[in-house]
């Protein structure tokens, strides 16, 4: 039982050290940590990059989410549809 607890403690220590090292060496994670530590999460570069993918999730102090109007395919010129279909 005591050996199991020691193994779990070692794993926890390794996980903490790995997390600290990733945060210290990755610039985006480091800036995110500093933004959270300063109390300004809206300056977090990860939040800024995710805003395009998850527009309905906002932080306090950010403008509210506004839904995007649906696009009617019949209003898009044929040339634009063909260009978008090509890889």
C-alpha atoms as a PDB file:
ATOM      1  CA  UNK A   1       0.000   0.000   0.000  1.00  0.00           C
ATOM      2  CA  UNK A   2       2.800   2.409   0.872  1.00  0.00           C
ATOM      3  CA  UNK A   3       4.632   1.590  -2.359  1.00  0.00           C
ATOM      4  CA  UNK A   4       1.504   2.420  -4.350  1.00  0.00           C
ATOM      5  CA  UNK A   5       1.203   5.785  -2.623  1.00  0.00           C
ATOM      6  CA  UNK A   6       4.864   6.522  -3.326  1.00  0.00           C
ATOM      7  CA  UNK A   7       4.397   5.671  -7.015  1.00  0.00           C
ATOM      8  CA  UNK A   8       1.362   7.931  -7.246  1.00  0.00           C
ATOM      9  CA  UNK A   9       3.285  10.743  -5.549  1.00  0.00           C
ATOM     10  CA  UNK A  10       6.151  10.324  -8.039  1.00  0.00           C
ATOM     11  CA  UNK A  11       3.739  10.368 -10.970  1.00  0.00           C
ATOM     12  CA  UNK A  12       2.101  13.496  -9.594  1.00  0.00           C
ATOM     13  CA  UNK A  13       5.497  15.170  -9.218  1.00  0.00           C
ATOM     14  CA  UNK A  14       6.459  14.252 -12.794  1.00  0.00           C
ATOM     15  CA  UNK A  15       3.138  15.598 -14.087  1.00  0.00           C
ATOM     16  CA  UNK A  16       3.606  18.872 -12.201  1.00  0.00           C
ATOM     17  CA  UNK A  17       7.166  19.268 -13.485  1.00  0.00           C
ATOM     18  CA  UNK A  18       6.049  18.519 -17.037  1.00  0.00           C
ATOM     19  CA  UNK A  19       3.242  21.075 -16.779  1.00  0.00           C
ATOM     20  CA  UNK A  20       5.574  23.736 -15.381  1.00  0.00           C
ATOM     21  CA  UNK A  21       8.158  23.078 -18.095  1.00  0.00           C
ATOM     22  CA  UNK A  22       5.579  23.265 -20.899  1.00  0.00           C
ATOM     23  CA  UNK A  23       4.203  26.500 -19.451  1.00  0.00           C
ATOM     24  CA  UNK A  24       7.701  27.943 -19.084  1.00  0.00           C
ATOM     25  CA  UNK A  25       8.962  27.073 -22.573  1.00  0.00           C
ATOM     26  CA  UNK A  26       5.854  27.490 -24.759  1.00  0.00           C
ATOM     27  CA  UNK A  27       5.334  31.228 -25.417  1.00  0.00           C
ATOM     28  CA  UNK A  28       1.551  30.971 -25.867  1.00  0.00           C
ATOM     29  CA  UNK A  29       1.089  29.040 -22.639  1.00  0.00           C
ATOM     30  CA  UNK A  30       3.467  31.375 -20.813  1.00  0.00           C
ATOM     31  CA  UNK A  31       1.524  34.443 -22.006  1.00  0.00           C
ATOM     32  CA  UNK A  32      -1.735  32.726 -21.076  1.00  0.00           C
ATOM     33  CA  UNK A  33      -0.451  32.020 -17.572  1.00  0.00           C
ATOM     34  CA  UNK A  34       0.737  35.607 -17.155  1.00  0.00           C
ATOM     35  CA  UNK A  35      -2.585  37.000 -18.409  1.00  0.00           C
ATOM     36  CA  UNK A  36      -4.474  34.853 -15.899  1.00  0.00           C
ATOM     37  CA  UNK A  37      -2.067  35.827 -13.107  1.00  0.00           C
ATOM     38  CA  UNK A  38      -2.601  39.524 -13.897  1.00  0.00           C
ATOM     39  CA  UNK A  39      -6.364  39.038 -13.827  1.00  0.00           C
ATOM     40  CA  UNK A  40      -6.822  39.937 -17.507  1.00  0.00           C
ATOM     41  CA  UNK A  41      -7.890  36.667 -19.167  1.00  0.00           C
ATOM     42  CA  UNK A  42      -9.191  38.523 -22.242  1.00  0.00           C
ATOM     43  CA  UNK A  43      -5.532  39.248 -23.155  1.00  0.00           C
ATOM     44  CA  UNK A  44      -4.790  35.519 -23.235  1.00  0.00           C
ATOM     45  CA  UNK A  45      -3.534  34.632 -26.747  1.00  0.00           C
ATOM     46  CA  UNK A  46      -5.196  31.229 -26.594  1.00  0.00           C
ATOM     47  CA  UNK A  47      -8.585  32.846 -25.898  1.00  0.00           C
ATOM     48  CA  UNK A  48      -7.968  35.233 -28.787  1.00  0.00           C
ATOM     49  CA  UNK A  49      -7.154  32.417 -31.207  1.00  0.00           C
ATOM     50  CA  UNK A  50     -10.131  30.334 -30.074  1.00  0.00           C
ATOM     51  CA  UNK A  51     -12.554  33.252 -30.457  1.00  0.00           C
ATOM     52  CA  UNK A  52     -12.846  32.489 -34.183  1.00  0.00           C
ATOM     53  CA  UNK A  53     -13.697  28.838 -33.568  1.00  0.00           C
ATOM     54  CA  UNK A  54     -15.945  29.224 -30.517  1.00  0.00           C
ATOM     55  CA  UNK A  55     -17.705  32.601 -30.888  1.00  0.00           C
ATOM     56  CA  UNK A  56     -20.475  31.747 -28.417  1.00  0.00           C
ATOM     57  CA  UNK A  57     -18.014  31.468 -25.498  1.00  0.00           C
ATOM     58  CA  UNK A  58     -17.091  34.876 -24.096  1.00  0.00           C
ATOM     59  CA  UNK A  59     -15.226  36.085 -21.023  1.00  0.00           C
ATOM     60  CA  UNK A  60     -16.454  38.779 -18.648  1.00  0.00           C
ATOM     61  CA  UNK A  61     -15.652  42.155 -20.158  1.00  0.00           C
ATOM     62  CA  UNK A  62     -15.799  40.881 -23.737  1.00  0.00           C
ATOM     63  CA  UNK A  63     -18.515  41.945 -26.186  1.00  0.00           C
ATOM     64  CA  UNK A  64     -21.494  39.581 -26.277  1.00  0.00           C
ATOM     65  CA  UNK A  65     -21.756  36.937 -28.932  1.00  0.00           C
ATOM     66  CA  UNK A  66     -23.704  37.872 -32.039  1.00  0.00           C
ATOM     67  CA  UNK A  67     -24.933  35.085 -34.311  1.00  0.00           C
ATOM     68  CA  UNK A  68     -23.746  35.099 -37.901  1.00  0.00           C
ATOM     69  CA  UNK A  69     -26.476  35.442 -40.481  1.00  0.00           C
ATOM     70  CA  UNK A  70     -26.938  32.331 -42.619  1.00  0.00           C
ATOM     71  CA  UNK A  71     -25.642  32.509 -46.174  1.00  0.00           C
ATOM     72  CA  UNK A  72     -27.991  31.662 -49.014  1.00  0.00           C
ATOM     73  CA  UNK A  73     -26.094  29.670 -51.663  1.00  0.00           C
ATOM     74  CA  UNK A  74     -28.249  31.171 -54.403  1.00  0.00           C
ATOM     75  CA  UNK A  75     -26.769  34.621 -53.683  1.00  0.00           C
ATOM     76  CA  UNK A  76     -23.162  33.464 -54.175  1.00  0.00           C
ATOM     77  CA  UNK A  77     -21.874  33.865 -57.745  1.00  0.00           C
ATOM     78  CA  UNK A  78     -21.127  30.603 -59.555  1.00  0.00           C
ATOM     79  CA  UNK A  79     -17.421  31.463 -59.905  1.00  0.00           C
ATOM     80  CA  UNK A  80     -17.057  31.795 -56.145  1.00  0.00           C
ATOM     81  CA  UNK A  81     -18.788  28.451 -55.560  1.00  0.00           C
ATOM     82  CA  UNK A  82     -16.481  26.715 -58.054  1.00  0.00           C
ATOM     83  CA  UNK A  83     -13.349  28.272 -56.546  1.00  0.00           C
ATOM     84  CA  UNK A  84     -14.415  27.220 -53.074  1.00  0.00           C
ATOM     85  CA  UNK A  85     -15.065  23.646 -54.221  1.00  0.00           C
ATOM     86  CA  UNK A  86     -11.529  23.193 -55.553  1.00  0.00           C
ATOM     87  CA  UNK A  87      -8.822  22.038 -53.117  1.00  0.00           C
END
